[in-house]
Protein backbone atom coordinates (compact mmCIF):
# COMPACT_ATOMS: atom_id res chain seq x y z
CA UNK A 1 -92.61 -62.70 154.21
CA UNK A 2 -91.41 -66.01 153.51
CA UNK A 3 -91.05 -68.60 156.65
CA UNK A 4 -87.53 -70.15 157.23
CA UNK A 5 -89.10 -73.68 156.30
CA UNK A 6 -90.64 -72.26 153.22
CA UNK A 7 -87.10 -71.06 152.23
CA UNK A 8 -85.16 -74.10 152.72
CA UNK A 9 -88.10 -75.92 150.56
CA UNK A 10 -87.18 -73.66 147.60
CA UNK A 11 -83.45 -73.57 148.47
CA UNK A 12 -82.96 -77.37 149.10
CA UNK A 13 -85.65 -79.03 147.22
CA UNK A 14 -86.24 -77.57 144.14
CA UNK A 15 -86.25 -80.00 141.08
CA UNK A 16 -86.94 -77.59 138.26
CA UNK A 17 -86.74 -73.94 137.83
CA UNK A 18 -86.89 -71.61 134.89
CA UNK A 19 -87.41 -67.91 133.63
CA UNK A 20 -90.65 -67.04 132.45
CA UNK A 21 -92.44 -63.69 131.52
CA UNK A 22 -91.29 -61.34 128.89
CA UNK A 23 -87.68 -62.88 128.66
CA UNK A 24 -88.71 -66.42 127.95
CA UNK A 25 -91.49 -65.09 125.57
CA UNK A 26 -88.89 -62.99 123.48
CA UNK A 27 -90.32 -59.81 124.40
CA UNK A 28 -87.70 -58.36 126.76
CA UNK A 29 -86.93 -54.89 126.90
CA UNK A 30 -84.30 -52.80 128.90
CA UNK A 31 -86.32 -52.64 131.71
CA UNK A 32 -88.09 -56.14 131.95
CA UNK A 33 -87.84 -57.80 135.18
CA UNK A 34 -86.65 -61.58 135.32
CA UNK A 35 -89.52 -63.57 136.40
CA UNK A 36 -88.55 -66.88 137.98
CA UNK A 37 -90.51 -69.97 138.18
CA UNK A 38 -89.89 -73.24 140.09
CA UNK A 39 -91.28 -76.65 141.24
CA UNK A 40 -90.15 -77.98 144.56
CA UNK A 41 -90.46 -81.65 145.71
CA UNK A 42 -91.43 -81.59 149.79
CA UNK A 43 -89.90 -84.52 151.45
CA UNK A 44 -92.61 -87.23 151.74
CA UNK A 45 -92.37 -87.32 155.72
CA UNK A 46 -93.55 -83.69 156.09
CA UNK A 47 -96.95 -85.02 154.69
CA UNK A 48 -97.06 -87.31 157.54
CA UNK A 49 -97.75 -84.41 159.88
CA UNK A 50 -101.05 -82.58 160.80
CA UNK A 51 -99.57 -79.46 159.16
CA UNK A 52 -98.83 -80.27 155.69
CA UNK A 53 -96.09 -78.44 153.50
CA UNK A 54 -97.32 -75.40 151.38
CA UNK A 55 -98.69 -75.84 148.03
CA UNK A 56 -96.70 -72.84 146.55
CA UNK A 57 -94.22 -70.42 147.88
CA UNK A 58 -93.55 -66.70 146.99
CA UNK A 59 -89.86 -65.83 147.15
CA UNK A 60 -87.48 -65.89 148.58
CA UNK A 61 -86.26 -63.57 145.48
CA UNK A 62 -88.40 -60.79 143.85
CA UNK A 63 -90.26 -61.91 141.01
CA UNK A 64 -89.95 -65.66 142.40
CA UNK A 65 -92.56 -68.22 142.72
CA UNK A 66 -92.58 -71.87 143.17
CA UNK A 67 -95.09 -74.69 143.39
CA UNK A 68 -94.89 -77.95 145.12
CA UNK A 69 -94.83 -80.93 142.55
CA UNK A 70 -98.24 -82.40 143.03
CA UNK A 71 -99.77 -78.73 142.92
CA UNK A 72 -97.88 -78.16 139.96
CA UNK A 73 -99.33 -81.39 138.22
CA UNK A 74 -102.49 -80.86 139.27
CA UNK A 75 -102.78 -77.27 137.52
CA UNK A 76 -100.94 -78.77 134.53
CA UNK A 77 -103.35 -81.52 134.29
CA UNK A 78 -106.04 -78.92 134.16
CA UNK A 79 -104.26 -77.00 131.34
CA UNK A 80 -103.63 -74.13 133.47
CA UNK A 81 -101.75 -71.78 130.93
CA UNK A 82 -99.33 -70.46 133.35
CA UNK A 83 -97.95 -73.87 134.39
CA UNK A 84 -98.01 -75.37 130.86
CA UNK A 85 -95.65 -72.53 129.66
CA UNK A 86 -93.53 -72.91 132.65
CA UNK A 87 -92.79 -76.55 131.40
CA UNK A 88 -91.87 -75.15 127.74
CA UNK A 89 -89.77 -72.22 128.74
CA UNK A 90 -86.57 -72.12 126.81
CA UNK A 91 -84.65 -70.54 129.67
CA UNK A 92 -84.20 -73.47 132.00
CA UNK A 93 -81.93 -72.56 134.95
CA UNK A 94 -82.17 -76.03 136.96
CA UNK A 95 -83.38 -79.28 136.46
CA UNK A 96 -82.24 -82.48 138.46
CA UNK A 97 -82.99 -85.94 137.54
CA UNK A 98 -86.69 -85.59 138.90
CA UNK A 99 -86.85 -82.38 136.99
CA UNK A 100 -85.96 -83.86 133.74
CA UNK A 101 -88.59 -86.47 134.19
CA UNK A 102 -90.91 -83.92 134.60
CA UNK A 103 -90.07 -82.07 131.51
CA UNK A 104 -90.15 -85.57 129.62
CA UNK A 105 -93.78 -85.71 130.80
CA UNK A 106 -94.70 -82.38 129.02
CA UNK A 107 -96.51 -84.31 126.38
CA UNK A 108 -98.92 -85.92 128.96
CA UNK A 109 -100.24 -82.72 130.25
CA UNK A 110 -101.35 -81.55 126.90
CA UNK A 111 -105.01 -82.14 125.98
CA UNK A 112 -108.12 -80.37 124.57
CA UNK A 113 -108.70 -79.18 127.69
CA UNK A 114 -106.31 -76.24 126.86
CA UNK A 115 -108.86 -74.74 124.71
CA UNK A 116 -111.09 -74.09 127.51
CA UNK A 117 -108.46 -73.07 130.00
CA UNK A 118 -106.68 -70.80 127.44
CA UNK A 119 -109.80 -69.27 126.19
CA UNK A 120 -111.00 -68.81 129.72
CA UNK A 121 -107.94 -66.65 130.73
CA UNK A 122 -107.98 -64.77 127.56
CA UNK A 123 -111.35 -63.84 128.28
CA UNK A 124 -110.87 -62.64 131.88
CA UNK A 125 -107.75 -60.62 130.43
CA UNK A 126 -109.86 -59.02 127.73
CA UNK A 127 -112.53 -57.99 130.17
CA UNK A 128 -109.72 -56.15 132.46
CA UNK A 129 -108.67 -54.38 128.99
CA UNK A 130 -112.51 -53.40 128.48
CA UNK A 131 -112.72 -51.92 132.19
CA UNK A 132 -109.22 -49.86 131.52
CA UNK A 133 -111.17 -48.47 128.33
CA UNK A 134 -114.25 -47.54 130.34
CA UNK A 135 -112.31 -46.11 133.27
CA UNK A 136 -109.06 -44.41 131.65
CA UNK A 137 -109.95 -44.20 127.81
CA UNK A 138 -107.36 -46.62 126.92
CA UNK A 139 -106.00 -49.91 127.80
CA UNK A 140 -103.06 -51.26 129.63
CA UNK A 141 -100.86 -51.55 126.44
CA UNK A 142 -98.53 -54.24 127.98
CA UNK A 143 -101.49 -56.26 129.02
CA UNK A 144 -103.07 -56.03 125.24
CA UNK A 145 -99.56 -57.20 124.06
CA UNK A 146 -99.70 -60.41 126.34
CA UNK A 147 -103.32 -61.20 125.48
CA UNK A 148 -102.51 -61.16 121.72
CA UNK A 149 -99.36 -63.54 122.39
CA UNK A 150 -101.34 -65.86 124.48
CA UNK A 151 -103.93 -66.09 121.81
CA UNK A 152 -101.42 -66.73 119.40
CA UNK A 153 -99.69 -69.28 121.46
CA UNK A 154 -103.22 -70.95 122.04
CA UNK A 155 -104.04 -71.15 118.46
CA UNK A 156 -101.01 -72.71 117.33
CA UNK A 157 -100.96 -75.31 119.98
CA UNK A 158 -104.60 -76.32 119.14
CA UNK A 159 -103.28 -76.37 115.32
CA UNK A 160 -100.00 -78.37 116.05
CA UNK A 161 -100.34 -80.29 119.36
CA UNK A 162 -97.27 -78.53 120.48
CA UNK A 163 -96.92 -75.59 122.83
CA UNK A 164 -94.20 -72.90 121.50
CA UNK A 165 -94.20 -69.72 123.91
CA UNK A 166 -91.42 -67.52 121.88
CA UNK A 167 -92.89 -65.16 119.62
CA UNK A 168 -90.43 -65.35 117.04
CA UNK A 169 -91.17 -62.94 114.17
CA UNK A 170 -94.04 -61.62 116.02
CA UNK A 171 -91.76 -59.70 118.38
CA UNK A 172 -91.67 -56.28 116.82
CA UNK A 173 -95.39 -56.15 116.02
CA UNK A 174 -96.07 -57.20 119.75
CA UNK A 175 -93.90 -54.55 121.01
CA UNK A 176 -95.34 -51.72 118.78
CA UNK A 177 -98.77 -52.58 120.60
CA UNK A 178 -96.80 -52.42 123.94
CA UNK A 179 -95.71 -48.86 123.40
CA UNK A 180 -99.15 -47.77 122.23
CA UNK A 181 -98.32 -47.22 118.62
CA UNK A 182 -101.12 -49.63 117.25
CA UNK A 183 -104.49 -48.22 117.40
CA UNK A 184 -107.09 -50.00 119.72
CA UNK A 185 -109.50 -50.88 117.17
CA UNK A 186 -106.48 -52.67 115.15
CA UNK A 187 -105.56 -54.48 118.30
CA UNK A 188 -109.09 -55.39 118.85
CA UNK A 189 -109.41 -56.69 115.27
CA UNK A 190 -106.46 -58.90 115.78
CA UNK A 191 -107.78 -60.35 119.15
CA UNK A 192 -111.14 -61.12 117.62
CA UNK A 193 -109.25 -62.83 114.45
CA UNK A 194 -107.20 -64.95 116.71
CA UNK A 195 -110.12 -65.91 118.85
CA UNK A 196 -112.10 -67.28 115.59
CA UNK A 197 -108.90 -69.08 114.74
CA UNK A 198 -108.61 -70.63 118.20
CA UNK A 199 -112.40 -71.80 117.70
CA UNK A 200 -111.61 -73.26 114.36
CA UNK A 201 -108.40 -74.93 115.25
CA UNK A 202 -110.16 -76.70 118.50
CA UNK A 203 -112.51 -78.45 116.00
CA UNK A 204 -109.59 -80.10 114.14
CA UNK A 205 -107.05 -80.37 116.96
CA UNK A 206 -104.60 -83.26 116.95
CA UNK A 207 -104.49 -82.96 120.84
CA UNK A 208 -106.08 -85.83 122.73
CA UNK A 209 -109.28 -85.32 124.53
CA UNK A 210 -107.84 -85.78 127.96
CA UNK A 211 -104.36 -85.73 129.67
CA UNK A 212 -102.47 -88.69 130.49
CA UNK A 213 -103.38 -88.55 134.14
CA UNK A 214 -102.23 -92.23 134.76
CA UNK A 215 -98.99 -91.48 133.71
CA UNK A 216 -98.44 -88.38 135.69
CA UNK A 217 -99.79 -90.04 138.61
CA UNK A 218 -97.53 -92.92 138.28
CA UNK A 219 -94.37 -90.54 138.13
CA UNK A 220 -95.70 -88.93 141.24
CA UNK A 221 -96.06 -91.78 143.12
CA UNK A 222 -92.70 -93.26 142.42
CA UNK A 223 -91.28 -89.84 143.18
CA UNK A 224 -93.01 -89.65 146.79
CA UNK A 225 -91.86 -93.32 147.53
CA UNK A 226 -88.24 -92.43 146.61
CA UNK A 227 -88.47 -89.37 148.72
CA UNK A 228 -89.74 -91.80 151.54
CA UNK A 229 -86.95 -94.37 151.38
CA UNK A 230 -84.34 -91.42 150.98
CA UNK A 231 -85.63 -90.04 154.48
CA UNK A 232 -85.51 -93.41 156.32
């Protein structure tokens, strides 16, 4: 249950919001949910209290999740896949001046750390699929589809230095996986191939060794100061 204070933070202090999930990936079907993600800037005076503002908030709408700006930047600097993809959603619903500056920083968050973070996330999802196979004799096909999408996105990021989350021409092939029309042996073969391609791309990636932490921190400090000044 969202608290009144948290609801105010999302309602009045969101600097950036977008649609994610299947709709952003180009994989939506008639029954797809609308997953909304956002970033809010908690007013600086709230950090002067003993009780700090929340680092993230679920709600107030269904399928809505928001991060406080500092937490969002921390996760993006670590190349968290879910957070990085938010910055590259083609379905932006809101971006004020601060939100637009955050979007301008997209390149500062990208680094070779993405290889480790995306691969680690993919490995966790693959283990869940293997558990489903042992317990139920079949994977959750929707999860298998999204793992293939993630591996493709990660490979292309490592190859080009640019993160693209839309699946483009792969849409029908991926939806066939979701419907269970592709044998598991073939899905498994594709996952293995994509993992190998990720490893190969990591060896020659144009991405910098580390994100531009100083540039991001400068943005955060300036934003906090402006918020403090506006509250005086």
